């Protein structure tokens, strides 16, 4: 008999798989109400109200699994759960349709001024000429981020006769053709779109993505929609562009701070808002509850689960053997992802030397997680990375070699994109750490960590001095610098480790230097 604590409000219908199981006892009470018996539960089901802290996990000594009836797990200390050997699962697919439908409803309401007209008629007015809208048919819709939700929005837009443009670093031409959308760069999308909707995760790269610089690249009269994460659209910049009339209107389901309080954007008549309702449908709430209940039941019956977001338990012996390479691989994936900002078709991994004799499955998953995490809206980690790669049409595979080229161990990674191929090779040296020893055809030696700046240039005297002066003028201190070249006077690279993150304006300044060909900032 297994005991399950359901500490938040979850429908009986959603809990049916557990309630109907003979070997399961379901207790629907708040944590505080069962404080004395917390150590008797095998599973815990929550929504967003219960905070699953390390303190709570320590009290639930018999806990094996935590299920979140929803997508986000911000209320769960996943690291602490992993430390206690507790599996954390969520329901990543349950609200996809609801959020896509809400997005499209917001788009339609925005261009036809439906909320404003509703308020007008409720005020006993009948002013038809004040609410002349626009048709969606034939309009250009720009979708930033093309995961599950972005894909569903595209299907609905095409049904309305819209032309769909997509910016997503992982969208291949083959997948775009299959769905019937036009892949493009961010600048291209900004310049052609009549309506722009965002469906990306909130990361360092996407925070403020639609800020002053990018909003200035949009069409005059553009409409903006955000049903993803608050902060992707710079709210202060949006207010300025609304004031000037450059942005015709905005539809927001999310804000940087929720609830937004007396937010300046709420004063605009051409801004429509909802209180984070993307997943708030009867069907979505039932779907996520049912999914997580079924997953918990499978887990307690000893069957594999598909939506775990932390590592399954590894034996201490295996973990200790792979830990160093596990960390190295994740860093290599993170570096490669930030360098290859384009559609990717294949990832090839080669293990050489002592690492080739270990259990590499989790090392490969760690690399994939590092590669995918900066670009995927949903939670991505070692458990679901392979599934997400498959969804994105990315092929991956392992190879093993006896030739480690003088290193006791090495991991080589090749990423095949639609326009270029990127290679990187790393090794772990005991008592010294992780090192990258080859970078896209150049021999080099640097630690993959911190704030990195990669520069490719022509090998000419004074290049290092020019770079150093620009960074110095902007009060950016260089911690370390490693250089490499293919031949004297030919192509060369430098990899700098900096004391703080680099502003995009400084990257642009460096890019303007004669004979500098590539400048990329990389955060590890």
Protein backbone atom coordinates (compact mmCIF):
# COMPACT_ATOMS: atom_id res chain seq x y z
CA UNK A 1 0.00 0.00 0.00
CA UNK A 2 1.36 3.43 -0.99
CA UNK A 3 0.23 6.67 0.65
CA UNK A 4 -0.02 9.85 -1.43
CA UNK A 5 -0.48 13.35 -0.05
CA UNK A 6 -2.32 15.77 -2.33
CA UNK A 7 -1.66 19.11 -0.63
CA UNK A 8 -3.19 21.47 -3.21
CA UNK A 9 -6.58 21.58 -4.87
CA UNK A 10 -6.67 18.99 -7.67
CA UNK A 11 -9.91 17.70 -9.19
CA UNK A 12 -11.23 14.26 -8.28
CA UNK A 13 -11.49 13.49 -11.99
CA UNK A 14 -7.83 14.27 -12.50
CA UNK A 15 -6.86 12.10 -9.53
CA UNK A 16 -8.97 9.17 -10.80
CA UNK A 17 -5.99 6.98 -11.81
CA UNK A 18 -4.80 7.08 -8.19
CA UNK A 19 -8.19 7.02 -6.50
CA UNK A 20 -9.18 3.91 -8.47
CA UNK A 21 -5.99 1.99 -7.70
CA UNK A 22 -6.50 -0.60 -4.93
CA UNK A 23 -2.95 -0.33 -3.58
CA UNK A 24 -3.00 3.48 -3.29
CA UNK A 25 -4.29 5.59 -0.39
CA UNK A 26 -4.85 9.24 -1.32
CA UNK A 27 -4.94 11.87 1.43
CA UNK A 28 -6.19 15.30 0.31
CA UNK A 29 -5.04 17.70 3.01
CA UNK A 30 -2.69 20.65 3.39
CA UNK A 31 0.83 19.97 4.65
CA UNK A 32 0.13 21.71 7.97
CA UNK A 33 -2.83 19.40 8.60
CA UNK A 34 -0.68 16.24 8.47
CA UNK A 35 2.47 17.65 10.07
CA UNK A 36 2.79 14.73 12.50
CA UNK A 37 2.59 12.05 9.80
CA UNK A 38 4.62 13.55 6.94
CA UNK A 39 7.15 10.72 7.15
CA UNK A 40 4.45 8.21 6.19
CA UNK A 41 3.87 9.41 2.62
CA UNK A 42 5.46 7.85 -0.46
CA UNK A 43 4.38 10.57 -2.91
CA UNK A 44 3.41 14.23 -2.85
CA UNK A 45 1.18 15.93 -5.46
CA UNK A 46 1.14 19.73 -5.67
CA UNK A 47 0.11 22.59 -7.90
CA UNK A 48 1.65 26.01 -7.17
CA UNK A 49 0.53 26.78 -3.60
CA UNK A 50 2.64 24.21 -1.74
CA UNK A 51 6.32 25.12 -1.49
CA UNK A 52 8.40 21.93 -1.62
CA UNK A 53 11.45 23.13 0.29
CA UNK A 54 14.45 21.22 1.56
CA UNK A 55 12.95 21.54 5.05
CA UNK A 56 9.75 19.80 3.93
CA UNK A 57 11.68 17.11 2.07
CA UNK A 58 13.73 16.40 5.20
CA UNK A 59 10.51 15.76 7.15
CA UNK A 60 9.07 13.42 4.49
CA UNK A 61 11.64 10.70 5.07
CA UNK A 62 9.76 8.06 3.09
CA UNK A 63 9.05 10.32 0.09
CA UNK A 64 9.95 8.85 -3.29
CA UNK A 65 8.35 11.19 -5.81
CA UNK A 66 6.90 14.72 -6.11
CA UNK A 67 4.38 15.40 -8.87
CA UNK A 68 3.63 18.93 -10.07
CA UNK A 69 0.23 19.23 -11.76
CA UNK A 70 1.50 21.79 -14.25
CA UNK A 71 4.62 22.75 -16.17
CA UNK A 72 6.65 25.12 -14.00
CA UNK A 73 8.46 23.79 -10.93
CA UNK A 74 9.51 27.10 -9.38
CA UNK A 75 7.82 26.07 -6.13
CA UNK A 76 9.91 22.88 -5.87
CA UNK A 77 13.55 22.77 -4.76
CA UNK A 78 14.62 20.32 -7.45
CA UNK A 79 18.26 20.24 -6.33
CA UNK A 80 17.22 19.35 -2.79
CA UNK A 81 14.87 16.67 -4.11
CA UNK A 82 17.71 15.14 -6.11
CA UNK A 83 19.92 15.27 -3.02
CA UNK A 84 17.28 13.30 -1.08
CA UNK A 85 16.80 10.84 -3.94
CA UNK A 86 13.28 12.09 -4.68
CA UNK A 87 12.15 12.11 -8.29
CA UNK A 88 10.34 15.26 -9.47
CA UNK A 89 7.88 15.04 -12.36
CA UNK A 90 5.61 17.54 -14.08
CA UNK A 91 3.02 17.60 -16.87
CA UNK A 92 4.82 19.35 -19.75
CA UNK A 93 2.16 18.83 -22.44
CA UNK A 94 -1.10 19.40 -20.61
CA UNK A 95 -1.50 23.13 -21.25
CA UNK A 96 -0.06 23.41 -24.77
CA UNK A 97 -3.39 23.73 -26.56
CA UNK A 98 -4.88 26.04 -23.94
CA UNK A 99 -1.94 28.45 -24.13
CA UNK A 100 -1.90 28.39 -27.93
CA UNK A 101 -5.64 29.08 -28.06
CA UNK A 102 -5.34 31.88 -25.53
CA UNK A 103 -2.54 33.44 -27.57
CA UNK A 104 -4.62 33.37 -30.71
CA UNK A 105 -7.67 34.71 -28.88
CA UNK A 106 -5.51 37.61 -27.68
CA UNK A 107 -4.30 38.26 -31.24
CA UNK A 108 -7.86 38.35 -32.59
CA UNK A 109 -9.11 40.52 -29.72
CA UNK A 110 -6.20 42.91 -30.17
CA UNK A 111 -6.60 43.64 -33.88
CA UNK A 112 -10.43 43.85 -33.69
CA UNK A 113 -10.47 45.97 -30.48
CA UNK A 114 -12.93 43.55 -28.89
CA UNK A 115 -12.26 44.37 -25.19
CA UNK A 116 -12.49 48.11 -25.83
CA UNK A 117 -15.70 47.74 -27.84
CA UNK A 118 -17.16 45.53 -25.11
CA UNK A 119 -16.54 48.18 -22.46
CA UNK A 120 -18.01 50.86 -24.73
CA UNK A 121 -21.28 48.99 -25.33
CA UNK A 122 -21.53 48.09 -21.62
CA UNK A 123 -21.31 51.85 -20.98
CA UNK A 124 -24.44 52.24 -23.14
CA UNK A 125 -22.48 53.63 -26.13
CA UNK A 126 -22.85 52.58 -29.76
CA UNK A 127 -19.77 53.97 -31.51
CA UNK A 128 -19.00 51.59 -34.35
CA UNK A 129 -16.56 53.92 -36.13
CA UNK A 130 -14.29 54.08 -33.07
CA UNK A 131 -13.45 50.38 -33.25
CA UNK A 132 -12.58 49.68 -36.88
CA UNK A 133 -10.16 46.77 -36.80
CA UNK A 134 -7.97 44.77 -39.19
CA UNK A 135 -8.38 41.35 -40.79
CA UNK A 136 -5.93 38.62 -39.90
CA UNK A 137 -6.17 37.16 -43.41
CA UNK A 138 -3.01 37.92 -45.38
CA UNK A 139 -1.21 39.48 -42.42
CA UNK A 140 2.35 38.50 -41.49
CA UNK A 141 2.62 36.82 -38.08
CA UNK A 142 6.06 36.59 -36.50
CA UNK A 143 6.57 33.80 -33.96
CA UNK A 144 9.67 34.03 -31.78
CA UNK A 145 10.31 30.54 -30.36
CA UNK A 146 8.92 27.44 -32.02
CA UNK A 147 8.40 24.78 -29.39
CA UNK A 148 5.11 23.00 -28.72
CA UNK A 149 3.08 26.17 -28.15
CA UNK A 150 4.64 28.18 -30.97
CA UNK A 151 3.92 25.31 -33.37
CA UNK A 152 0.26 25.19 -32.34
CA UNK A 153 -0.10 28.96 -32.76
CA UNK A 154 1.32 28.61 -36.28
CA UNK A 155 -1.30 25.99 -37.19
CA UNK A 156 -4.10 28.31 -36.14
CA UNK A 157 -2.57 31.28 -37.95
CA UNK A 158 -2.33 29.33 -41.20
CA UNK A 159 -5.99 28.34 -40.85
CA UNK A 160 -6.76 32.08 -40.81
CA UNK A 161 -4.78 32.61 -44.00
CA UNK A 162 -1.86 34.34 -42.31
CA UNK A 163 1.73 34.23 -43.51
CA UNK A 164 3.85 32.83 -40.68
CA UNK A 165 7.50 33.78 -40.11
CA UNK A 166 9.47 31.98 -37.40
CA UNK A 167 12.67 32.82 -35.58
CA UNK A 168 14.04 29.83 -33.70
CA UNK A 169 17.72 28.80 -33.69
CA UNK A 170 16.76 25.12 -33.89
CA UNK A 171 14.12 25.28 -36.62
CA UNK A 172 15.36 23.31 -39.62
CA UNK A 173 14.18 23.99 -43.16
CA UNK A 174 12.69 20.48 -43.38
CA UNK A 175 10.52 20.99 -40.28
CA UNK A 176 9.53 24.50 -41.40
CA UNK A 177 8.42 23.21 -44.81
CA UNK A 178 6.44 20.40 -43.20
CA UNK A 179 4.50 22.84 -41.00
CA UNK A 180 4.24 25.51 -43.68
CA UNK A 181 6.13 28.39 -42.08
CA UNK A 182 9.01 30.60 -43.20
CA UNK A 183 12.20 30.37 -41.07
CA UNK A 184 14.06 33.65 -40.79
CA UNK A 185 16.51 35.66 -38.72
CA UNK A 186 15.28 37.81 -35.86
CA UNK A 187 15.93 41.00 -37.83
CA UNK A 188 13.98 39.63 -40.82
CA UNK A 189 11.05 38.70 -38.60
CA UNK A 190 11.00 42.10 -36.93
CA UNK A 191 10.98 43.92 -40.27
CA UNK A 192 8.19 41.97 -42.01
CA UNK A 193 5.73 41.07 -39.21
CA UNK A 194 2.43 42.86 -38.67
CA UNK A 195 1.95 40.95 -35.41
CA UNK A 196 4.70 39.44 -33.23
CA UNK A 197 4.12 36.81 -30.54
CA UNK A 198 6.83 35.41 -28.26
CA UNK A 199 7.07 31.79 -27.09
CA UNK A 200 10.57 31.42 -25.67
CA UNK A 201 11.88 30.69 -22.19
CA UNK A 202 13.01 33.63 -20.07
CA UNK A 203 16.81 33.37 -20.10
CA UNK A 204 19.75 35.76 -20.07
CA UNK A 205 19.53 35.80 -23.86
CA UNK A 206 15.78 36.44 -24.09
CA UNK A 207 15.28 38.86 -21.19
CA UNK A 208 14.42 42.18 -22.79
CA UNK A 209 14.70 40.60 -26.24
CA UNK A 210 12.08 43.02 -27.54
CA UNK A 211 13.74 46.10 -26.10
CA UNK A 212 14.47 49.57 -27.55
CA UNK A 213 16.93 48.36 -30.19
CA UNK A 214 14.78 45.54 -31.58
CA UNK A 215 11.47 47.40 -31.27
CA UNK A 216 12.97 50.11 -33.46
CA UNK A 217 13.45 47.47 -36.19
CA UNK A 218 9.75 46.57 -36.28
CA UNK A 219 7.14 47.89 -38.69
CA UNK A 220 5.33 51.05 -37.66
CA UNK A 221 1.91 49.88 -36.49
CA UNK A 222 3.07 46.46 -35.29
CA UNK A 223 1.11 44.56 -32.63
CA UNK A 224 2.94 42.65 -29.85
CA UNK A 225 1.68 39.63 -27.92
CA UNK A 226 3.22 37.93 -24.87
CA UNK A 227 1.59 34.86 -23.36
CA UNK A 228 4.93 33.24 -22.50
CA UNK A 229 7.02 34.83 -19.75
CA UNK A 230 7.11 38.34 -18.34
CA UNK A 231 10.35 40.13 -19.15
CA UNK A 232 10.84 38.94 -22.73
CA UNK A 233 9.28 42.22 -23.84
CA UNK A 234 10.97 45.20 -22.16
CA UNK A 235 7.92 46.79 -20.51
CA UNK A 236 9.44 50.26 -20.16
CA UNK A 237 10.51 50.26 -23.82
CA UNK A 238 7.07 49.01 -24.87
CA UNK A 239 5.44 51.96 -23.09
CA UNK A 240 7.67 54.41 -24.98
CA UNK A 241 6.91 52.82 -28.36
CA UNK A 242 3.19 52.83 -27.56
CA UNK A 243 3.38 56.54 -26.70
CA UNK A 244 5.08 57.33 -30.00
CA UNK A 245 2.51 55.29 -31.93
CA UNK A 246 5.13 53.00 -33.44
CA UNK A 247 3.54 50.01 -31.69
CA UNK A 248 -0.19 49.97 -32.47
CA UNK A 249 -1.13 47.80 -29.51
CA UNK A 250 -0.11 44.97 -27.21
CA UNK A 251 -1.75 41.94 -25.63
CA UNK A 252 -0.15 40.72 -22.41
CA UNK A 253 -0.98 37.68 -20.31
CA UNK A 254 2.24 37.92 -18.29
CA UNK A 255 4.28 40.63 -16.56
CA UNK A 256 7.72 40.86 -15.01
CA UNK A 257 6.05 41.29 -11.63
CA UNK A 258 2.74 39.53 -11.03
CA UNK A 259 0.30 40.90 -10.13
CA UNK A 260 1.50 44.07 -11.91
CA UNK A 261 -0.20 46.53 -9.56
CA UNK A 262 -0.46 50.11 -10.83
CA UNK A 263 1.57 49.36 -13.96
CA UNK A 264 2.09 52.15 -16.54
CA UNK A 265 1.05 49.84 -19.39
CA UNK A 266 -2.42 49.46 -17.88
CA UNK A 267 -3.11 53.12 -18.67
CA UNK A 268 -3.00 52.53 -22.45
CA UNK A 269 -6.34 51.95 -24.16
CA UNK A 270 -4.61 49.88 -26.86
CA UNK A 271 -3.12 47.42 -24.38
CA UNK A 272 -5.29 44.42 -23.46
CA UNK A 273 -4.34 42.23 -20.51
CA UNK A 274 -5.30 39.01 -18.74
CA UNK A 275 -4.08 37.65 -15.37
CA UNK A 276 -1.79 34.84 -16.60
CA UNK A 277 -4.63 32.73 -17.99
CA UNK A 278 -2.72 30.81 -20.65
CA UNK A 279 -3.17 27.45 -18.92
CA UNK A 280 -6.41 28.32 -17.14
CA UNK A 281 -8.96 26.11 -18.86
CA UNK A 282 -10.99 23.24 -17.48
CA UNK A 283 -9.37 20.92 -20.00
CA UNK A 284 -5.80 22.00 -19.25
CA UNK A 285 -6.24 21.68 -15.50
CA UNK A 286 -7.76 18.23 -15.97
CA UNK A 287 -5.02 17.22 -18.43
CA UNK A 288 -2.13 18.19 -16.17
CA UNK A 289 -3.76 16.52 -13.16
CA UNK A 290 -4.42 13.31 -15.07
CA UNK A 291 -0.95 13.23 -16.59
CA UNK A 292 0.86 13.67 -13.30
CA UNK A 293 -1.45 11.16 -11.53
CA UNK A 294 -0.75 8.54 -14.20
CA UNK A 295 2.99 9.19 -14.00
CA UNK A 296 3.03 8.86 -10.20
CA UNK A 297 1.09 5.61 -10.44
CA UNK A 298 3.53 4.21 -13.00
CA UNK A 299 6.48 5.19 -10.84
CA UNK A 300 5.07 3.57 -7.69
CA UNK A 301 4.37 0.41 -9.70
CA UNK A 302 8.02 0.28 -10.77
CA UNK A 303 7.42 1.37 -14.36
CA UNK A 304 9.49 4.07 -16.17
CA UNK A 305 8.18 7.64 -16.24
CA UNK A 306 8.60 10.04 -19.15
CA UNK A 307 8.33 13.45 -17.52
CA UNK A 308 10.93 13.33 -14.76
CA UNK A 309 12.87 16.57 -14.53
CA UNK A 310 15.71 15.47 -12.30
CA UNK A 311 18.15 12.61 -12.58
CA UNK A 312 16.97 9.17 -11.61
CA UNK A 313 18.94 7.64 -8.79
CA UNK A 314 22.43 6.50 -9.74
CA UNK A 315 24.58 4.30 -7.59
CA UNK A 316 27.21 6.23 -5.71
CA UNK A 317 29.93 4.20 -7.42
CA UNK A 318 28.71 5.00 -10.95
CA UNK A 319 28.12 8.67 -10.17
CA UNK A 320 31.62 9.13 -8.73
CA UNK A 321 33.15 7.61 -11.86
CA UNK A 322 31.27 9.76 -14.36
CA UNK A 323 30.88 12.99 -12.38
CA UNK A 324 33.89 14.81 -13.87
CA UNK A 325 32.96 13.95 -17.46
CA UNK A 326 29.29 14.61 -16.77
CA UNK A 327 30.16 18.20 -15.80
CA UNK A 328 32.60 18.63 -18.69
CA UNK A 329 30.04 17.43 -21.23
CA UNK A 330 27.37 19.84 -19.98
CA UNK A 331 29.79 22.76 -20.29
CA UNK A 332 30.75 21.68 -23.82
CA UNK A 333 27.09 21.52 -24.81
CA UNK A 334 26.46 24.98 -23.36
CA UNK A 335 29.42 26.48 -25.25
CA UNK A 336 28.41 24.82 -28.53
CA UNK A 337 24.80 26.00 -28.22
CA UNK A 338 25.84 29.63 -27.82
CA UNK A 339 28.26 29.44 -30.74
CA UNK A 340 25.86 27.66 -33.13
CA UNK A 341 22.87 30.01 -33.10
CA UNK A 342 21.29 28.43 -36.18
CA UNK A 343 19.17 25.40 -37.08
CA UNK A 344 20.95 22.20 -36.02
CA UNK A 345 20.45 18.83 -37.69
CA UNK A 346 22.88 16.50 -35.94
CA UNK A 347 25.08 16.24 -32.84
CA UNK A 348 27.90 13.69 -32.91
CA UNK A 349 29.84 12.80 -29.76
CA UNK A 350 33.06 10.79 -29.63
CA UNK A 351 34.54 9.40 -26.41
CA UNK A 352 38.23 8.53 -26.28
CA UNK A 353 40.60 7.21 -23.64
CA UNK A 354 39.47 6.32 -20.12
CA UNK A 355 36.04 7.94 -20.50
CA UNK A 356 35.18 5.50 -23.29
CA UNK A 357 35.21 2.66 -20.76
CA UNK A 358 32.54 4.27 -18.55
CA UNK A 359 28.73 4.39 -18.68
CA UNK A 360 28.41 7.26 -21.18
CA UNK A 361 24.62 7.40 -21.46
CA UNK A 362 24.24 9.98 -18.72
CA UNK A 363 27.28 11.91 -19.98
CA UNK A 364 25.64 12.21 -23.41
CA UNK A 365 22.37 13.29 -21.84
CA UNK A 366 24.23 15.91 -19.83
CA UNK A 367 25.80 17.28 -23.01
CA UNK A 368 22.41 17.40 -24.75
CA UNK A 369 20.85 19.16 -21.77
CA UNK A 370 23.62 21.76 -21.80
CA UNK A 371 23.08 22.29 -25.52
CA UNK A 372 19.28 22.52 -25.44
CA UNK A 373 18.66 24.38 -22.19
CA UNK A 374 19.47 27.92 -23.44
CA UNK A 375 17.03 27.56 -26.36
CA UNK A 376 14.04 25.55 -25.13
CA UNK A 377 10.99 27.01 -23.41
CA UNK A 378 10.18 23.90 -21.38
CA UNK A 379 12.25 22.43 -18.57
CA UNK A 380 15.15 20.50 -20.07
CA UNK A 381 17.64 18.27 -18.28
CA UNK A 382 19.39 14.94 -18.49
CA UNK A 383 16.16 12.97 -18.24
CA UNK A 384 14.18 14.56 -21.06
CA UNK A 385 16.97 15.98 -23.24
CA UNK A 386 16.91 13.07 -25.69
CA UNK A 387 13.15 13.37 -26.14
CA UNK A 388 13.35 17.14 -26.70
CA UNK A 389 16.17 16.71 -29.23
CA UNK A 390 14.00 14.24 -31.13
CA UNK A 391 11.05 16.65 -31.07
CA UNK A 392 13.30 19.31 -32.55
CA UNK A 393 14.44 16.97 -35.32
CA UNK A 394 18.01 16.73 -33.99
CA UNK A 395 19.82 13.44 -34.54
CA UNK A 396 22.48 12.53 -31.99
CA UNK A 397 24.79 9.60 -31.51
CA UNK A 398 27.86 8.29 -29.70
CA UNK A 399 31.11 6.94 -31.08
CA UNK A 400 34.10 5.45 -29.29
CA UNK A 401 37.76 5.74 -30.23
CA UNK A 402 41.04 4.42 -28.92
CA UNK A 403 42.89 7.47 -30.25
CA UNK A 404 42.75 10.22 -27.63
CA UNK A 405 45.58 12.17 -29.31
CA UNK A 406 47.85 12.34 -26.28
CA UNK A 407 45.14 12.94 -23.68
CA UNK A 408 44.21 10.39 -21.02
CA UNK A 409 40.58 11.10 -21.87
CA UNK A 410 38.69 13.33 -24.26
CA UNK A 411 35.18 14.15 -25.43
CA UNK A 412 34.80 15.45 -28.97
CA UNK A 413 31.63 17.16 -30.15
CA UNK A 414 30.59 18.00 -33.70
CA UNK A 415 27.43 20.00 -34.34
CA UNK A 416 26.07 19.99 -37.88
CA UNK A 417 23.99 23.04 -38.76
CA UNK A 418 22.30 24.05 -41.97
CA UNK A 419 25.02 26.60 -42.77
CA UNK A 420 28.11 25.50 -40.85
CA UNK A 421 29.68 22.78 -38.76
CA UNK A 422 31.17 23.40 -35.32
CA UNK A 423 33.67 21.18 -33.49
CA UNK A 424 34.97 21.28 -29.95
CA UNK A 425 37.11 18.90 -27.91
CA UNK A 426 37.51 18.80 -24.14
CA UNK A 427 39.35 16.84 -21.51
CA UNK A 428 39.28 16.54 -17.73
CA UNK A 429 42.61 16.65 -15.92
CA UNK A 430 42.52 15.50 -12.27
CA UNK A 431 43.45 18.28 -9.82
CA UNK A 432 43.45 20.77 -12.72
CA UNK A 433 39.90 20.68 -14.03
CA UNK A 434 38.01 20.85 -17.30
CA UNK A 435 39.81 22.15 -20.39
CA UNK A 436 38.80 22.85 -23.97
CA UNK A 437 41.76 21.85 -26.14
CA UNK A 438 40.36 22.26 -29.66
CA UNK A 439 37.85 24.90 -30.76
CA UNK A 440 36.48 24.82 -34.29
CA UNK A 441 39.73 23.83 -35.96
CA UNK A 442 42.09 25.71 -33.64
CA UNK A 443 44.34 24.20 -30.97
CA UNK A 444 43.83 26.11 -27.73
CA UNK A 445 43.64 25.51 -23.97
CA UNK A 446 41.04 27.25 -21.79
CA UNK A 447 38.68 26.51 -18.91
CA UNK A 448 35.00 26.44 -20.01
CA UNK A 449 33.56 28.54 -17.21
CA UNK A 450 32.46 32.05 -16.36
CA UNK A 451 32.11 35.00 -18.72
CA UNK A 452 33.91 34.12 -21.95
CA UNK A 453 34.57 36.16 -25.09
CA UNK A 454 35.49 34.39 -28.34
CA UNK A 455 37.11 36.37 -31.15
CA UNK A 456 38.21 35.07 -34.56
CA UNK A 457 40.45 37.38 -36.56
CA UNK A 458 43.29 37.62 -39.04
CA UNK A 459 46.69 36.99 -37.45
CA UNK A 460 48.18 40.48 -37.58
CA UNK A 461 50.29 42.47 -35.13
CA UNK A 462 48.35 44.66 -32.73
CA UNK A 463 45.08 42.69 -32.68
CA UNK A 464 45.38 41.76 -29.01
CA UNK A 465 46.20 45.37 -28.16
CA UNK A 466 43.10 46.71 -29.96
CA UNK A 467 40.85 44.26 -28.15
CA UNK A 468 42.45 45.04 -24.81
CA UNK A 469 42.04 48.79 -25.31
CA UNK A 470 38.33 48.54 -26.14
CA UNK A 471 37.67 46.36 -23.10
CA UNK A 472 39.77 48.63 -20.90
CA UNK A 473 37.95 51.73 -22.10
CA UNK A 474 34.70 50.09 -20.98
CA UNK A 475 36.09 49.03 -17.58
CA UNK A 476 36.06 45.31 -18.45
CA UNK A 477 38.90 43.42 -16.81
CA UNK A 478 40.49 40.41 -18.53
CA UNK A 479 41.10 37.50 -16.17
CA UNK A 480 42.82 35.20 -18.69
CA UNK A 481 43.49 35.12 -22.43
CA UNK A 482 44.29 32.10 -24.58
CA UNK A 483 45.19 32.33 -28.26
CA UNK A 484 45.50 29.95 -31.18
CA UNK A 485 46.17 30.10 -34.89
CA UNK A 486 46.26 27.80 -37.88
CA UNK A 487 49.27 29.43 -39.60
CA UNK A 488 51.28 32.64 -39.26
CA UNK A 489 49.36 35.46 -40.91
CA UNK A 490 46.24 33.33 -41.34
CA UNK A 491 43.14 32.88 -39.24
CA UNK A 492 43.59 33.11 -35.48
CA UNK A 493 41.42 33.10 -32.37
CA UNK A 494 41.50 34.41 -28.84
CA UNK A 495 39.38 33.24 -25.93
CA UNK A 496 39.16 35.69 -23.06
CA UNK A 497 37.81 35.10 -19.57
CA UNK A 498 36.28 38.30 -18.18
CA UNK A 499 35.40 39.45 -14.68
CA UNK A 500 31.85 40.43 -15.64
CA UNK A 501 29.29 39.85 -18.39
CA UNK A 502 29.80 41.85 -21.58
CA UNK A 503 27.22 44.32 -22.88
CA UNK A 504 26.04 43.88 -26.46
CA UNK A 505 27.26 47.40 -27.26
CA UNK A 506 30.84 46.35 -26.53
CA UNK A 507 30.45 43.27 -28.73
CA UNK A 508 29.34 45.57 -31.56
CA UNK A 509 32.35 47.83 -30.95
CA UNK A 510 34.72 44.87 -31.20
CA UNK A 511 32.98 43.64 -34.36
CA UNK A 512 33.77 46.96 -36.04
CA UNK A 513 37.54 46.44 -35.71
CA UNK A 514 39.20 45.71 -39.04
CA UNK A 515 40.25 42.05 -39.52
CA UNK A 516 37.99 40.79 -36.68
CA UNK A 517 35.62 38.28 -38.29
CA UNK A 518 33.64 36.76 -35.41
CA UNK A 519 32.82 38.01 -31.91
CA UNK A 520 30.72 35.89 -29.57
CA UNK A 521 30.12 36.16 -25.85
CA UNK A 522 29.63 32.83 -24.08
CA UNK A 523 28.29 32.30 -20.57
CA UNK A 524 29.05 28.97 -18.85
